[in-house]
PDB file of N, CA and C in Angstrom:
ATOM      1  N   MET A   1      -8.906  -5.952  21.409  1.00  0.00           N
ATOM      2  CA  MET A   1      -7.727  -5.119  21.396  1.00  0.00           C
ATOM      3  C   MET A   1      -6.611  -5.632  20.339  1.00  0.00           C
ATOM      4  N   ALA A   2      -6.008  -4.581  19.617  1.00  0.00           N
ATOM      5  CA  ALA A   2      -5.020  -4.979  18.829  1.00  0.00           C
ATOM      6  C   ALA A   2      -3.740  -5.255  19.365  1.00  0.00           C
ATOM      7  N   GLN A   3      -3.079  -6.460  18.797  1.00  0.00           N
ATOM      8  CA  GLN A   3      -1.776  -6.646  19.458  1.00  0.00           C
ATOM      9  C   GLN A   3      -0.683  -5.832  19.142  1.00  0.00           C
ATOM     10  N   PRO A   4       0.535  -5.933  19.629  1.00  0.00           N
ATOM     11  CA  PRO A   4       1.497  -5.066  19.507  1.00  0.00           C
ATOM     12  C   PRO A   4       1.996  -5.428  17.955  1.00  0.00           C
ATOM     13  N   GLY A   5       2.285  -4.406  17.227  1.00  0.00           N
ATOM     14  CA  GLY A   5       2.821  -4.512  15.919  1.00  0.00           C
ATOM     15  C   GLY A   5       1.614  -4.750  14.878  1.00  0.00           C
ATOM     16  N   HIS A   6       0.437  -4.716  15.324  1.00  0.00           N
ATOM     17  CA  HIS A   6      -0.670  -5.077  14.541  1.00  0.00           C
ATOM     18  C   HIS A   6      -1.584  -3.807  14.532  1.00  0.00           C
ATOM     19  N   ARG A   7      -1.781  -3.505  13.054  1.00  0.00           N
ATOM     20  CA  ARG A   7      -2.451  -2.308  12.511  1.00  0.00           C
ATOM     21  C   ARG A   7      -3.763  -2.763  11.844  1.00  0.00           C
ATOM     22  N   ASP A   8      -4.709  -2.111  12.385  1.00  0.00           N
ATOM     23  CA  ASP A   8      -6.077  -2.635  11.598  1.00  0.00           C
ATOM     24  C   ASP A   8      -6.376  -1.704  10.588  1.00  0.00           C
ATOM     25  N   HIS A   9      -5.703  -1.808   9.335  1.00  0.00           N
ATOM     26  CA  HIS A   9      -5.886  -0.925   8.132  1.00  0.00           C
ATOM     27  C   HIS A   9      -7.247  -1.139   7.518  1.00  0.00           C
ATOM     28  N   ASP A  10      -7.734  -2.002   7.753  1.00  0.00           N
ATOM     29  CA  ASP A  10      -9.163  -2.273   6.836  1.00  0.00           C
ATOM     30  C   ASP A  10     -10.179  -2.853   7.663  1.00  0.00           C
ATOM     31  N   ALA A  11     -10.979  -2.123   8.323  1.00  0.00           N
ATOM     32  CA  ALA A  11     -12.025  -2.604   9.092  1.00  0.00           C
ATOM     33  C   ALA A  11     -12.978  -3.209   8.195  1.00  0.00           C
ATOM     34  N   ALA A  12     -13.194  -2.995   7.052  1.00  0.00           N
ATOM     35  CA  ALA A  12     -14.087  -3.675   6.134  1.00  0.00           C
ATOM     36  C   ALA A  12     -14.028  -5.066   6.127  1.00  0.00           C
ATOM     37  N   ARG A  13     -15.238  -5.901   5.689  1.00  0.00           N
ATOM     38  CA  ARG A  13     -14.888  -7.264   5.646  1.00  0.00           C
ATOM     39  C   ARG A  13     -13.983  -7.773   4.656  1.00  0.00           C
ATOM     40  N   LYS A  14     -13.073  -8.739   5.003  1.00  0.00           N
ATOM     41  CA  LYS A  14     -12.059  -9.117   4.178  1.00  0.00           C
ATOM     42  C   LYS A  14     -12.561 -10.358   3.269  1.00  0.00           C
ATOM     43  N   ASP A  15     -12.908 -10.374   2.191  1.00  0.00           N
ATOM     44  CA  ASP A  15     -13.172 -11.436   1.304  1.00  0.00           C
ATOM     45  C   ASP A  15     -12.313 -11.683   0.063  1.00  0.00           C
ATOM     46  N   ASP A  16     -11.340 -10.819  -0.314  1.00  0.00           N
ATOM     47  CA  ASP A  16     -10.645 -11.217  -1.304  1.00  0.00           C
ATOM     48  C   ASP A  16      -9.415 -12.030  -0.536  1.00  0.00           C
ATOM     49  N   VAL A  17      -9.005 -13.034  -1.461  1.00  0.00           N
ATOM     50  CA  VAL A  17      -7.974 -13.944  -1.244  1.00  0.00           C
ATOM     51  C   VAL A  17      -6.824 -13.701  -1.905  1.00  0.00           C
ATOM     52  N   ILE A  18      -5.566 -13.806  -1.353  1.00  0.00           N
ATOM     53  CA  ILE A  18      -4.335 -13.639  -1.906  1.00  0.00           C
ATOM     54  C   ILE A  18      -3.456 -14.878  -1.487  1.00  0.00           C
ATOM     55  N   GLN A  19      -3.145 -15.559  -2.795  1.00  0.00           N
ATOM     56  CA  GLN A  19      -2.359 -16.829  -2.585  1.00  0.00           C
ATOM     57  C   GLN A  19      -1.088 -16.691  -2.879  1.00  0.00           C
ATOM     58  N   ILE A  20      -0.047 -17.461  -2.152  1.00  0.00           N
ATOM     59  CA  ILE A  20       1.416 -17.228  -2.573  1.00  0.00           C
ATOM     60  C   ILE A  20       1.908 -18.484  -2.143  1.00  0.00           C
ATOM     61  N   ARG A  21       2.750 -19.044  -2.929  1.00  0.00           N
ATOM     62  CA  ARG A  21       3.679 -20.172  -2.491  1.00  0.00           C
ATOM     63  C   ARG A  21       5.095 -19.871  -1.966  1.00  0.00           C
ATOM     64  N   ALA A  22       5.636 -20.408  -0.956  1.00  0.00           N
ATOM     65  CA  ALA A  22       6.874 -20.240  -0.433  1.00  0.00           C
ATOM     66  C   ALA A  22       7.737 -21.586   0.016  1.00  0.00           C
ATOM     67  N   SER A  23       8.967 -21.427   0.079  1.00  0.00           N
ATOM     68  CA  SER A  23       9.644 -22.546   0.476  1.00  0.00           C
ATOM     69  C   SER A  23       9.447 -22.854   1.947  1.00  0.00           C
ATOM     70  N   ALA A  24       9.891 -24.117   2.491  1.00  0.00           N
ATOM     71  CA  ALA A  24       9.420 -24.375   3.745  1.00  0.00           C
ATOM     72  C   ALA A  24      10.308 -23.565   4.663  1.00  0.00           C
ATOM     73  N   GLY A  25      11.557 -23.122   4.152  1.00  0.00           N
ATOM     74  CA  GLY A  25      12.457 -22.396   5.088  1.00  0.00           C
ATOM     75  C   GLY A  25      11.898 -20.894   5.246  1.00  0.00           C
ATOM     76  N   THR A  26      11.399 -20.486   4.156  1.00  0.00           N
ATOM     77  CA  THR A  26      10.698 -19.056   3.953  1.00  0.00           C
ATOM     78  C   THR A  26       9.600 -19.046   5.095  1.00  0.00           C
ATOM     79  N   LYS A  27       8.776 -20.113   5.006  1.00  0.00           N
ATOM     80  CA  LYS A  27       7.524 -20.126   5.806  1.00  0.00           C
ATOM     81  C   LYS A  27       7.870 -20.068   7.378  1.00  0.00           C
ATOM     82  N   ALA A  28       9.124 -20.880   7.479  1.00  0.00           N
ATOM     83  CA  ALA A  28       9.482 -21.140   8.942  1.00  0.00           C
ATOM     84  C   ALA A  28       9.893 -19.783   9.340  1.00  0.00           C
ATOM     85  N   ILE A  29      10.704 -18.905   8.891  1.00  0.00           N
ATOM     86  CA  ILE A  29      11.217 -17.605   9.186  1.00  0.00           C
ATOM     87  C   ILE A  29       9.991 -16.717   9.250  1.00  0.00           C
ATOM     88  N   LEU A  30       9.185 -16.654   8.352  1.00  0.00           N
ATOM     89  CA  LEU A  30       7.798 -15.780   8.500  1.00  0.00           C
ATOM     90  C   LEU A  30       7.104 -16.209  10.025  1.00  0.00           C
ATOM     91  N   SER A  31       6.817 -17.532   9.864  1.00  0.00           N
ATOM     92  CA  SER A  31       6.107 -18.065  11.196  1.00  0.00           C
ATOM     93  C   SER A  31       6.781 -17.601  12.389  1.00  0.00           C
ATOM     94  N   ARG A  32       7.875 -17.648  12.296  1.00  0.00           N
ATOM     95  CA  ARG A  32       8.749 -17.197  13.619  1.00  0.00           C
ATOM     96  C   ARG A  32       8.521 -15.695  13.995  1.00  0.00           C
ATOM     97  N   ALA A  33       8.752 -15.077  12.907  1.00  0.00           N
ATOM     98  CA  ALA A  33       8.449 -13.328  13.122  1.00  0.00           C
ATOM     99  C   ALA A  33       7.242 -13.207  13.573  1.00  0.00           C
ATOM    100  N   ALA A  34       6.118 -13.989  13.050  1.00  0.00           N
ATOM    101  CA  ALA A  34       4.760 -13.550  13.403  1.00  0.00           C
ATOM    102  C   ALA A  34       4.401 -13.867  14.695  1.00  0.00           C
ATOM    103  N   ARG A  35       5.008 -14.946  15.406  1.00  0.00           N
ATOM    104  CA  ARG A  35       5.027 -15.389  16.621  1.00  0.00           C
ATOM    105  C   ARG A  35       5.622 -14.360  17.595  1.00  0.00           C
ATOM    106  N   LEU A  36       6.714 -14.114  17.046  1.00  0.00           N
ATOM    107  CA  LEU A  36       7.490 -12.924  17.831  1.00  0.00           C
ATOM    108  C   LEU A  36       6.660 -11.626  17.985  1.00  0.00           C
ATOM    109  N   ARG A  37       5.706 -11.378  17.051  1.00  0.00           N
ATOM    110  CA  ARG A  37       4.852 -10.252  17.136  1.00  0.00           C
ATOM    111  C   ARG A  37       3.401 -10.597  17.687  1.00  0.00           C
ATOM    112  N   GLY A  38       3.262 -11.715  18.192  1.00  0.00           N
ATOM    113  CA  GLY A  38       2.050 -12.173  18.641  1.00  0.00           C
ATOM    114  C   GLY A  38       0.901 -11.999  17.531  1.00  0.00           C
ATOM    115  N   GLN A  39       1.333 -12.264  16.357  1.00  0.00           N
ATOM    116  CA  GLN A  39       0.162 -12.407  15.258  1.00  0.00           C
ATOM    117  C   GLN A  39       0.133 -13.814  14.769  1.00  0.00           C
ATOM    118  N   LYS A  40      -0.951 -13.860  13.889  1.00  0.00           N
ATOM    119  CA  LYS A  40      -1.222 -14.948  12.950  1.00  0.00           C
ATOM    120  C   LYS A  40      -0.326 -14.904  11.892  1.00  0.00           C
ATOM    121  N   LEU A  41       0.171 -15.915  11.256  1.00  0.00           N
ATOM    122  CA  LEU A  41       0.994 -15.611  10.084  1.00  0.00           C
ATOM    123  C   LEU A  41       0.289 -14.891   8.999  1.00  0.00           C
ATOM    124  N   SER A  42      -0.761 -15.062   8.705  1.00  0.00           N
ATOM    125  CA  SER A  42      -1.533 -14.238   7.578  1.00  0.00           C
ATOM    126  C   SER A  42      -1.602 -12.719   7.971  1.00  0.00           C
ATOM    127  N   GLU A  43      -1.921 -12.516   9.328  1.00  0.00           N
ATOM    128  CA  GLU A  43      -1.774 -10.811   9.886  1.00  0.00           C
ATOM    129  C   GLU A  43      -0.494 -10.481   9.467  1.00  0.00           C
ATOM    130  N   PHE A  44       0.599 -11.256  10.008  1.00  0.00           N
ATOM    131  CA  PHE A  44       2.094 -10.834   9.764  1.00  0.00           C
ATOM    132  C   PHE A  44       2.288 -10.461   8.305  1.00  0.00           C
ATOM    133  N   MET A  45       2.053 -11.276   7.553  1.00  0.00           N
ATOM    134  CA  MET A  45       2.320 -11.344   6.084  1.00  0.00           C
ATOM    135  C   MET A  45       1.453 -10.006   5.490  1.00  0.00           C
ATOM    136  N   LEU A  46       0.251  -9.933   5.946  1.00  0.00           N
ATOM    137  CA  LEU A  46      -0.565  -8.901   5.276  1.00  0.00           C
ATOM    138  C   LEU A  46       0.059  -7.550   5.854  1.00  0.00           C
ATOM    139  N   ASP A  47       0.386  -7.524   7.139  1.00  0.00           N
ATOM    140  CA  ASP A  47       0.840  -6.123   7.458  1.00  0.00           C
ATOM    141  C   ASP A  47       2.211  -5.793   7.028  1.00  0.00           C
ATOM    142  N   SER A  48       3.055  -6.933   6.778  1.00  0.00           N
ATOM    143  CA  SER A  48       4.347  -6.673   6.375  1.00  0.00           C
ATOM    144  C   SER A  48       4.183  -6.206   4.582  1.00  0.00           C
ATOM    145  N   ALA A  49       3.411  -6.939   3.988  1.00  0.00           N
ATOM    146  CA  ALA A  49       3.152  -6.659   2.595  1.00  0.00           C
ATOM    147  C   ALA A  49       2.559  -5.158   2.379  1.00  0.00           C
ATOM    148  N   ARG A  50       1.748  -4.881   3.060  1.00  0.00           N
ATOM    149  CA  ARG A  50       1.204  -3.487   3.019  1.00  0.00           C
ATOM    150  C   ARG A  50       1.961  -2.374   3.345  1.00  0.00           C
ATOM    151  N   ARG A  51       2.806  -2.685   4.329  1.00  0.00           N
ATOM    152  CA  ARG A  51       4.015  -1.604   4.689  1.00  0.00           C
ATOM    153  C   ARG A  51       4.876  -1.592   3.628  1.00  0.00           C
ATOM    154  N   GLN A  52       5.453  -2.557   2.923  1.00  0.00           N
ATOM    155  CA  GLN A  52       6.197  -2.552   1.822  1.00  0.00           C
ATOM    156  C   GLN A  52       5.528  -1.840   0.496  1.00  0.00           C
ATOM    157  N   ALA A  53       4.214  -2.141   0.229  1.00  0.00           N
ATOM    158  CA  ALA A  53       3.535  -1.518  -0.667  1.00  0.00           C
ATOM    159  C   ALA A  53       3.486   0.070  -0.453  1.00  0.00           C
ATOM    160  N   GLU A  54       3.239   0.450   0.735  1.00  0.00           N
ATOM    161  CA  GLU A  54       3.175   1.837   0.948  1.00  0.00           C
ATOM    162  C   GLU A  54       4.492   2.506   0.581  1.00  0.00           C
ATOM    163  N   GLU A  55       5.575   1.865   1.060  1.00  0.00           N
ATOM    164  CA  GLU A  55       6.925   2.383   0.833  1.00  0.00           C
ATOM    165  C   GLU A  55       7.160   2.551  -0.532  1.00  0.00           C
ATOM    166  N   ALA A  56       6.825   1.420  -1.268  1.00  0.00           N
ATOM    167  CA  ALA A  56       7.109   1.363  -2.775  1.00  0.00           C
ATOM    168  C   ALA A  56       6.339   2.610  -3.417  1.00  0.00           C
ATOM    169  N   ILE A  57       5.175   2.831  -3.062  1.00  0.00           N
ATOM    170  CA  ILE A  57       4.444   3.809  -3.734  1.00  0.00           C
ATOM    171  C   ILE A  57       5.015   5.286  -3.359  1.00  0.00           C
ATOM    172  N   LEU A  58       5.324   5.475  -1.763  1.00  0.00           N
ATOM    173  CA  LEU A  58       6.071   6.679  -1.532  1.00  0.00           C
ATOM    174  C   LEU A  58       7.335   6.881  -2.185  1.00  0.00           C
ATOM    175  N   ASP A  59       7.792   5.732  -2.476  1.00  0.00           N
ATOM    176  CA  ASP A  59       9.317   5.974  -3.112  1.00  0.00           C
ATOM    177  C   ASP A  59       9.185   6.492  -4.470  1.00  0.00           C
ATOM    178  N   GLN A  60       8.167   6.563  -5.065  1.00  0.00           N
ATOM    179  CA  GLN A  60       7.763   7.066  -6.510  1.00  0.00           C
ATOM    180  C   GLN A  60       7.675   8.579  -6.286  1.00  0.00           C
ATOM    181  N   ARG A  61       7.734   9.103  -5.160  1.00  0.00           N
ATOM    182  CA  ARG A  61       7.557  10.498  -5.072  1.00  0.00           C
ATOM    183  C   ARG A  61       8.962  11.255  -4.714  1.00  0.00           C
ATOM    184  N   ILE A  62      10.072  10.540  -4.931  1.00  0.00           N
ATOM    185  CA  ILE A  62      11.179  11.107  -4.738  1.00  0.00           C
ATOM    186  C   ILE A  62      11.712  12.021  -6.042  1.00  0.00           C
ATOM    187  N   PHE A  63      12.321  13.116  -5.736  1.00  0.00           N
ATOM    188  CA  PHE A  63      12.760  13.898  -7.087  1.00  0.00           C
ATOM    189  C   PHE A  63      14.264  14.518  -7.030  1.00  0.00           C
ATOM    190  N   PHE A  64      14.670  14.628  -7.963  1.00  0.00           N
ATOM    191  CA  PHE A  64      16.244  15.314  -7.788  1.00  0.00           C
ATOM    192  C   PHE A  64      16.049  16.689  -8.449  1.00  0.00           C
ATOM    193  N   LEU A  65      17.018  17.604  -7.812  1.00  0.00           N
ATOM    194  CA  LEU A  65      17.248  18.968  -8.309  1.00  0.00           C
ATOM    195  C   LEU A  65      18.583  19.357  -8.614  1.00  0.00           C
ATOM    196  N   ASP A  66      18.810  20.285  -9.812  1.00  0.00           N
ATOM    197  CA  ASP A  66      20.038  20.551  -9.774  1.00  0.00           C
ATOM    198  C   ASP A  66      20.473  21.757  -8.727  1.00  0.00           C
ATOM    199  N   ASP A  67      21.495  22.419  -8.746  1.00  0.00           N
ATOM    200  CA  ASP A  67      21.952  23.191  -7.685  1.00  0.00           C
ATOM    201  C   ASP A  67      21.167  24.502  -7.720  1.00  0.00           C
ATOM    202  N   VAL A  68      20.768  25.014  -8.566  1.00  0.00           N
ATOM    203  CA  VAL A  68      19.985  26.247  -8.603  1.00  0.00           C
ATOM    204  C   VAL A  68      18.677  26.020  -8.155  1.00  0.00           C
ATOM    205  N   ALA A  69      18.052  24.915  -8.477  1.00  0.00           N
ATOM    206  CA  ALA A  69      16.704  24.463  -8.181  1.00  0.00           C
ATOM    207  C   ALA A  69      16.670  24.150  -6.667  1.00  0.00           C
ATOM    208  N   HIS A  70      17.568  23.417  -6.355  1.00  0.00           N
ATOM    209  CA  HIS A  70      17.841  23.084  -4.850  1.00  0.00           C
ATOM    210  C   HIS A  70      17.921  24.095  -3.742  1.00  0.00           C
ATOM    211  N   GLU A  71      18.574  25.124  -4.331  1.00  0.00           N
ATOM    212  CA  GLU A  71      18.702  26.418  -3.531  1.00  0.00           C
ATOM    213  C   GLU A  71      17.241  27.216  -3.345  1.00  0.00           C
ATOM    214  N   LYS A  72      16.734  27.119  -4.576  1.00  0.00           N
ATOM    215  CA  LYS A  72      15.507  27.824  -4.505  1.00  0.00           C
ATOM    216  C   LYS A  72      14.247  27.017  -3.717  1.00  0.00           C
ATOM    217  N   PHE A  73      14.384  25.601  -3.642  1.00  0.00           N
ATOM    218  CA  PHE A  73      13.657  24.851  -2.895  1.00  0.00           C
ATOM    219  C   PHE A  73      13.998  25.101  -1.473  1.00  0.00           C
ATOM    220  N   LEU A  74      14.974  25.242  -1.087  1.00  0.00           N
ATOM    221  CA  LEU A  74      15.561  25.452   0.248  1.00  0.00           C
ATOM    222  C   LEU A  74      15.099  26.835   0.753  1.00  0.00           C
ATOM    223  N   ASP A  75      15.049  27.775  -0.173  1.00  0.00           N
ATOM    224  CA  ASP A  75      14.457  29.087   0.184  1.00  0.00           C
ATOM    225  C   ASP A  75      13.121  29.284   0.514  1.00  0.00           C
ATOM    226  N   LEU A  76      12.383  28.230  -0.324  1.00  0.00           N
ATOM    227  CA  LEU A  76      10.741  28.201  -0.071  1.00  0.00           C
ATOM    228  C   LEU A  76      10.490  27.236   1.314  1.00  0.00           C
ATOM    229  N   LEU A  77      11.476  26.409   1.629  1.00  0.00           N
ATOM    230  CA  LEU A  77      11.171  25.656   2.938  1.00  0.00           C
ATOM    231  C   LEU A  77      11.372  26.785   3.946  1.00  0.00           C
ATOM    232  N   ASP A  78      12.496  27.523   3.963  1.00  0.00           N
ATOM    233  CA  ASP A  78      12.878  28.513   4.908  1.00  0.00           C
ATOM    234  C   ASP A  78      11.715  29.686   4.989  1.00  0.00           C
ATOM    235  N   ALA A  79      11.053  30.012   3.949  1.00  0.00           N
ATOM    236  CA  ALA A  79       9.931  31.026   4.000  1.00  0.00           C
ATOM    237  C   ALA A  79       8.788  30.562   3.257  1.00  0.00           C
ATOM    238  N   PRO A  80       7.922  29.681   3.768  1.00  0.00           N
ATOM    239  CA  PRO A  80       6.819  29.301   3.038  1.00  0.00           C
ATOM    240  C   PRO A  80       5.661  30.070   2.785  1.00  0.00           C
ATOM    241  N   GLY A  81       4.938  30.031   1.782  1.00  0.00           N
ATOM    242  CA  GLY A  81       3.725  31.017   1.690  1.00  0.00           C
ATOM    243  C   GLY A  81       2.623  30.517   2.262  1.00  0.00           C
ATOM    244  N   LYS A  82       1.621  31.180   2.295  1.00  0.00           N
ATOM    245  CA  LYS A  82       0.251  30.868   2.760  1.00  0.00           C
ATOM    246  C   LYS A  82      -0.316  29.595   2.100  1.00  0.00           C
ATOM    247  N   PRO A  83      -0.862  28.671   2.536  1.00  0.00           N
ATOM    248  CA  PRO A  83      -1.341  27.478   1.780  1.00  0.00           C
ATOM    249  C   PRO A  83      -2.544  27.841   0.992  1.00  0.00           C
ATOM    250  N   SER A  84      -2.530  27.531  -0.401  1.00  0.00           N
ATOM    251  CA  SER A  84      -3.783  27.872  -1.287  1.00  0.00           C
ATOM    252  C   SER A  84      -4.809  26.853  -0.933  1.00  0.00           C
ATOM    253  N   GLU A  85      -5.909  27.062  -1.530  1.00  0.00           N
ATOM    254  CA  GLU A  85      -6.983  26.172  -1.407  1.00  0.00           C
ATOM    255  C   GLU A  85      -6.820  24.966  -2.140  1.00  0.00           C
ATOM    256  N   GLU A  86      -5.914  24.891  -3.245  1.00  0.00           N
ATOM    257  CA  GLU A  86      -5.499  23.554  -3.922  1.00  0.00           C
ATOM    258  C   GLU A  86      -4.656  22.993  -2.978  1.00  0.00           C
ATOM    259  N   LEU A  87      -3.798  23.439  -2.320  1.00  0.00           N
ATOM    260  CA  LEU A  87      -2.753  22.704  -1.320  1.00  0.00           C
ATOM    261  C   LEU A  87      -3.637  22.334  -0.194  1.00  0.00           C
ATOM    262  N   ARG A  88      -4.575  22.874   0.341  1.00  0.00           N
ATOM    263  CA  ARG A  88      -5.491  22.497   1.387  1.00  0.00           C
ATOM    264  C   ARG A  88      -6.110  21.085   1.022  1.00  0.00           C
ATOM    265  N   ALA A  89      -6.561  21.140  -0.436  1.00  0.00           N
ATOM    266  CA  ALA A  89      -7.381  19.955  -0.862  1.00  0.00           C
ATOM    267  C   ALA A  89      -6.403  18.856  -1.165  1.00  0.00           C
ATOM    268  N   ARG A  90      -5.004  19.045  -1.537  1.00  0.00           N
ATOM    269  CA  ARG A  90      -4.127  18.099  -1.560  1.00  0.00           C
ATOM    270  C   ARG A  90      -3.784  17.430  -0.332  1.00  0.00           C
ATOM    271  N   MET A  91      -3.570  18.139   0.566  1.00  0.00           N
ATOM    272  CA  MET A  91      -3.335  17.671   2.032  1.00  0.00           C
ATOM    273  C   MET A  91      -4.390  16.880   2.714  1.00  0.00           C
ATOM    274  N   THR A  92      -5.320  17.163   2.384  1.00  0.00           N
ATOM    275  CA  THR A  92      -6.586  16.131   3.011  1.00  0.00           C
ATOM    276  C   THR A  92      -7.252  15.080   2.170  1.00  0.00           C
ATOM    277  N   ARG A  93      -6.622  14.862   0.914  1.00  0.00           N
ATOM    278  CA  ARG A  93      -7.055  13.732   0.115  1.00  0.00           C
ATOM    279  C   ARG A  93      -6.251  12.448   0.722  1.00  0.00           C
ATOM    280  N   LYS A  94      -7.167  11.209   0.383  1.00  0.00           N
ATOM    281  CA  LYS A  94      -6.610  10.059   0.827  1.00  0.00           C
ATOM    282  C   LYS A  94      -5.233   9.863   0.289  1.00  0.00           C
ATOM    283  N   PRO A  95      -4.297   8.922   0.929  1.00  0.00           N
ATOM    284  CA  PRO A  95      -3.030   8.524   0.330  1.00  0.00           C
ATOM    285  C   PRO A  95      -3.458   7.840  -0.765  1.00  0.00           C
ATOM    286  N   ALA A  96      -2.335   7.652  -1.718  1.00  0.00           N
ATOM    287  CA  ALA A  96      -2.238   6.918  -2.987  1.00  0.00           C
ATOM    288  C   ALA A  96      -2.639   5.475  -2.676  1.00  0.00           C
ATOM    289  N   TRP A  97      -2.086   4.930  -1.667  1.00  0.00           N
ATOM    290  CA  TRP A  97      -2.257   3.534  -1.454  1.00  0.00           C
ATOM    291  C   TRP A  97      -3.644   3.078  -0.908  1.00  0.00           C
ATOM    292  N   GLU A  98      -4.602   4.203  -0.533  1.00  0.00           N
ATOM    293  CA  GLU A  98      -5.816   4.003  -0.180  1.00  0.00           C
ATOM    294  C   GLU A  98      -7.095   4.313  -1.368  1.00  0.00           C
ATOM    295  N   ARG A  99      -6.513   4.694  -2.412  1.00  0.00           N
ATOM    296  CA  ARG A  99      -7.533   4.952  -3.710  1.00  0.00           C
ATOM    297  C   ARG A  99      -7.894   3.558  -4.277  1.00  0.00           C
TER     298      ARG A  99
END
């Protein structure tokens, strides 16, 4: 059974190695946080790094609009059209971080 805060993102065999160096103080903080979550240090670090990676990828999808485009966007949100086949395909594809 998964422990609280633990997400099994990758059920496949884990054979790739990631190595990092950290100060003793940083390791102590990470170890303490892992214990609080009931996880091994490596599990905690991998979960935390994956979460940050997903956020970084999603942050690249932010966009800015001028006033006219913003109003048009809001109008579209208030009265959405029927989803096209292209939209259906986009909504069912894997997230960018799983490609």
